């Protein structure tokens, strides 16, 4: 009976996150198709803040295009990496469990050193690394790695996507110039529903 309850709880959590992911994607496409320029706003009261952010990380894989030579083999996994103290705990692992992007398995890694980030496609930088940002940016220089964080002024100082909170709502701030420097192409739908800076 205990095992049944544990498995049922895991299933319902996965289903909830799958529904949240679908809801976010539908809202993104609907907002973009209607021509609304307002940023996408997701209430953190609907779900825990980092549950929402975990779903965003997963969906970024579908709305960003990496260079063709990013992956060594057709079956090379797509890596989402968490660098620094992990605020997601197991939320990100549950979110991407059994999921794929362009037929590639999604794998979550937590590199302990910057030498271990070269395989990452998405790199979430934790608040614990606020004093090391310049070192991290130097480590990813000229590499097709999407940097994401909820650190203050992250996008303004060289990060690519910053999570911001406005009245407990999650919003996206994108430094388009930096993403282009790293040969990453953002979906027009994603850009339409985000606040964009450095667009040149």
Protein backbone atom coordinates (compact mmCIF):
# COMPACT_ATOMS: atom_id res chain seq x y z
CA UNK A 1 0.00 0.00 0.00
CA UNK A 2 2.84 2.39 0.87
CA UNK A 3 4.56 1.73 -2.46
CA UNK A 4 1.27 2.33 -4.26
CA UNK A 5 0.84 5.71 -2.57
CA UNK A 6 4.42 6.72 -3.34
CA UNK A 7 4.06 5.76 -7.00
CA UNK A 8 0.68 7.49 -7.25
CA UNK A 9 2.12 10.66 -5.74
CA UNK A 10 4.99 10.63 -8.20
CA UNK A 11 2.58 10.07 -11.09
CA UNK A 12 0.30 12.94 -10.09
CA UNK A 13 3.26 15.28 -9.69
CA UNK A 14 4.58 14.37 -13.14
CA UNK A 15 1.11 14.82 -14.62
CA UNK A 16 0.71 18.20 -12.93
CA UNK A 17 4.02 19.39 -14.34
CA UNK A 18 3.18 18.03 -17.80
CA UNK A 19 -0.08 19.99 -17.71
CA UNK A 20 1.76 23.11 -16.51
CA UNK A 21 4.25 22.73 -19.36
CA UNK A 22 1.47 22.38 -21.91
CA UNK A 23 -0.32 25.38 -20.41
CA UNK A 24 2.79 27.53 -20.69
CA UNK A 25 3.41 26.54 -24.30
CA UNK A 26 -0.22 27.15 -25.29
CA UNK A 27 -0.15 30.57 -23.65
CA UNK A 28 3.09 31.43 -25.41
CA UNK A 29 1.74 30.48 -28.84
CA UNK A 30 -1.64 32.10 -28.22
CA UNK A 31 -0.11 35.36 -27.04
CA UNK A 32 2.27 35.43 -30.00
CA UNK A 33 -0.39 34.52 -32.57
CA UNK A 34 -2.69 37.25 -31.34
CA UNK A 35 0.10 39.75 -31.82
CA UNK A 36 0.29 40.78 -28.19
CA UNK A 37 3.61 42.38 -27.36
CA UNK A 38 3.13 42.22 -23.61
CA UNK A 39 5.57 39.94 -21.73
CA UNK A 40 4.42 36.49 -20.76
CA UNK A 41 3.50 36.57 -17.08
CA UNK A 42 3.05 33.38 -15.07
CA UNK A 43 1.68 33.56 -11.55
CA UNK A 44 3.96 31.84 -9.06
CA UNK A 45 0.93 31.36 -6.83
CA UNK A 46 -0.45 28.78 -9.29
CA UNK A 47 2.56 26.57 -8.62
CA UNK A 48 5.72 26.84 -6.63
CA UNK A 49 8.14 29.38 -8.05
CA UNK A 50 10.84 26.90 -8.96
CA UNK A 51 8.33 24.45 -10.38
CA UNK A 52 7.35 27.15 -12.86
CA UNK A 53 11.00 27.93 -13.59
CA UNK A 54 11.78 24.23 -14.08
CA UNK A 55 9.04 24.01 -16.71
CA UNK A 56 10.42 27.12 -18.39
CA UNK A 57 13.89 25.57 -18.55
CA UNK A 58 12.44 22.52 -20.25
CA UNK A 59 10.47 24.63 -22.72
CA UNK A 60 13.46 26.81 -23.63
CA UNK A 61 14.82 23.69 -25.34
CA UNK A 62 11.89 23.93 -27.77
CA UNK A 63 12.12 27.66 -28.44
CA UNK A 64 15.87 28.11 -28.93
CA UNK A 65 17.87 26.76 -31.87
CA UNK A 66 21.45 25.62 -31.30
CA UNK A 67 24.11 25.46 -34.06
CA UNK A 68 24.01 22.30 -36.18
CA UNK A 69 27.43 21.14 -34.95
CA UNK A 70 26.46 21.38 -31.26
CA UNK A 71 25.79 17.67 -30.93
CA UNK A 72 28.51 15.13 -31.69
CA UNK A 73 26.13 12.28 -32.56
CA UNK A 74 22.45 11.92 -33.54
CA UNK A 75 21.75 10.29 -30.18
CA UNK A 76 23.76 12.75 -28.08
CA UNK A 77 21.55 13.84 -25.14
CA UNK A 78 20.34 17.37 -24.58
CA UNK A 79 21.85 18.59 -21.29
CA UNK A 80 20.24 20.99 -18.84
CA UNK A 81 22.80 21.92 -16.19
CA UNK A 82 22.39 23.49 -12.76
CA UNK A 83 25.53 25.26 -11.57
CA UNK A 84 25.90 26.21 -7.92
CA UNK A 85 23.52 25.54 -5.06
CA UNK A 86 20.50 23.81 -6.59
CA UNK A 87 17.21 25.63 -5.84
CA UNK A 88 15.16 23.10 -7.83
CA UNK A 89 16.04 20.03 -5.76
CA UNK A 90 14.26 17.25 -7.73
CA UNK A 91 11.73 19.50 -9.52
CA UNK A 92 13.76 19.81 -12.72
CA UNK A 93 14.50 16.06 -12.80
CA UNK A 94 10.79 15.23 -12.50
CA UNK A 95 9.86 17.85 -15.10
CA UNK A 96 12.11 16.38 -17.83
CA UNK A 97 11.72 12.73 -16.87
CA UNK A 98 11.11 10.66 -20.03
CA UNK A 99 10.98 13.84 -22.11
CA UNK A 100 12.86 14.47 -25.35
CA UNK A 101 13.68 17.47 -27.52
CA UNK A 102 14.11 16.87 -31.24
CA UNK A 103 14.25 13.15 -30.45
CA UNK A 104 17.13 13.66 -28.01
CA UNK A 105 16.87 12.47 -24.43
CA UNK A 106 16.98 15.30 -21.91
CA UNK A 107 19.51 14.81 -19.12
CA UNK A 108 19.93 16.99 -16.03
CA UNK A 109 23.46 17.49 -14.75
CA UNK A 110 24.88 19.39 -11.80
CA UNK A 111 28.50 20.15 -12.71
CA UNK A 112 30.80 20.88 -9.80
CA UNK A 113 33.41 22.76 -11.83
CA UNK A 114 33.37 25.04 -14.86
CA UNK A 115 35.55 22.54 -16.69
CA UNK A 116 32.51 20.25 -16.74
CA UNK A 117 30.02 22.56 -18.48
CA UNK A 118 31.11 22.15 -22.09
CA UNK A 119 28.38 19.57 -22.80
CA UNK A 120 25.62 21.79 -21.42
CA UNK A 121 23.06 23.30 -23.77
CA UNK A 122 21.22 25.16 -21.00
CA UNK A 123 23.14 26.36 -17.95
CA UNK A 124 21.10 27.64 -15.01
CA UNK A 125 23.35 29.71 -12.73
CA UNK A 126 22.30 29.66 -9.10
CA UNK A 127 22.15 32.68 -6.80
CA UNK A 128 25.06 31.15 -4.89
CA UNK A 129 27.32 32.11 -7.82
CA UNK A 130 26.62 35.84 -7.87
CA UNK A 131 30.25 36.68 -7.08
CA UNK A 132 31.53 34.36 -9.82
CA UNK A 133 29.51 35.62 -12.77
CA UNK A 134 32.44 37.11 -14.68
CA UNK A 135 34.38 33.87 -14.33
CA UNK A 136 31.37 31.89 -15.55
CA UNK A 137 30.77 34.22 -18.50
CA UNK A 138 34.42 33.85 -19.48
CA UNK A 139 34.06 30.06 -19.28
CA UNK A 140 31.10 30.04 -21.68
CA UNK A 141 32.51 32.66 -24.03
CA UNK A 142 31.98 31.72 -27.70
CA UNK A 143 30.25 28.49 -26.68
CA UNK A 144 26.63 27.70 -27.68
CA UNK A 145 25.43 27.50 -24.08
CA UNK A 146 22.19 29.23 -23.07
CA UNK A 147 22.78 30.92 -19.72
CA UNK A 148 19.75 31.37 -17.46
CA UNK A 149 19.42 32.72 -13.93
CA UNK A 150 17.20 34.62 -11.54
CA UNK A 151 20.08 36.74 -10.26
CA UNK A 152 19.41 40.47 -10.20
CA UNK A 153 20.79 42.31 -13.25
CA UNK A 154 21.79 38.98 -14.82
CA UNK A 155 20.70 39.92 -18.34
CA UNK A 156 22.16 43.42 -18.12
CA UNK A 157 25.59 42.11 -17.10
CA UNK A 158 25.99 39.45 -19.81
CA UNK A 159 23.48 36.67 -19.10
CA UNK A 160 21.00 35.54 -21.74
CA UNK A 161 17.67 34.83 -20.01
CA UNK A 162 16.75 36.22 -16.61
CA UNK A 163 13.76 35.15 -14.54
CA UNK A 164 12.23 38.13 -12.80
CA UNK A 165 9.40 38.34 -10.29
CA UNK A 166 6.77 41.05 -10.41
CA UNK A 167 4.08 40.78 -7.73
CA UNK A 168 4.92 37.09 -7.33
CA UNK A 169 4.70 36.52 -11.07
CA UNK A 170 7.47 35.03 -13.19
CA UNK A 171 8.56 37.05 -16.21
CA UNK A 172 11.37 36.69 -18.76
CA UNK A 173 14.07 39.21 -19.62
CA UNK A 174 16.21 38.30 -22.65
CA UNK A 175 19.56 39.82 -23.70
CA UNK A 176 19.20 39.21 -27.43
CA UNK A 177 22.61 40.57 -28.35
CA UNK A 178 24.40 38.05 -26.13
CA UNK A 179 22.38 35.11 -27.48
CA UNK A 180 23.33 36.10 -31.02
CA UNK A 181 27.00 36.32 -30.08
CA UNK A 182 26.76 32.69 -28.97
CA UNK A 183 25.02 31.63 -32.23
CA UNK A 184 21.74 30.84 -30.49
CA UNK A 185 18.55 31.69 -32.35
CA UNK A 186 15.52 32.60 -30.27
CA UNK A 187 12.06 31.74 -31.51
CA UNK A 188 10.09 34.81 -32.54
CA UNK A 189 7.23 33.53 -30.39
CA UNK A 190 9.46 33.50 -27.32
CA UNK A 191 10.78 36.99 -28.04
CA UNK A 192 7.29 38.43 -28.50
CA UNK A 193 6.25 37.42 -25.01
CA UNK A 194 9.48 38.44 -23.27
CA UNK A 195 11.08 41.72 -22.39
CA UNK A 196 14.03 42.09 -24.77
CA UNK A 197 17.14 44.19 -24.26
CA UNK A 198 20.29 44.73 -26.36
CA UNK A 199 18.41 44.10 -29.61
CA UNK A 200 21.00 45.06 -32.21
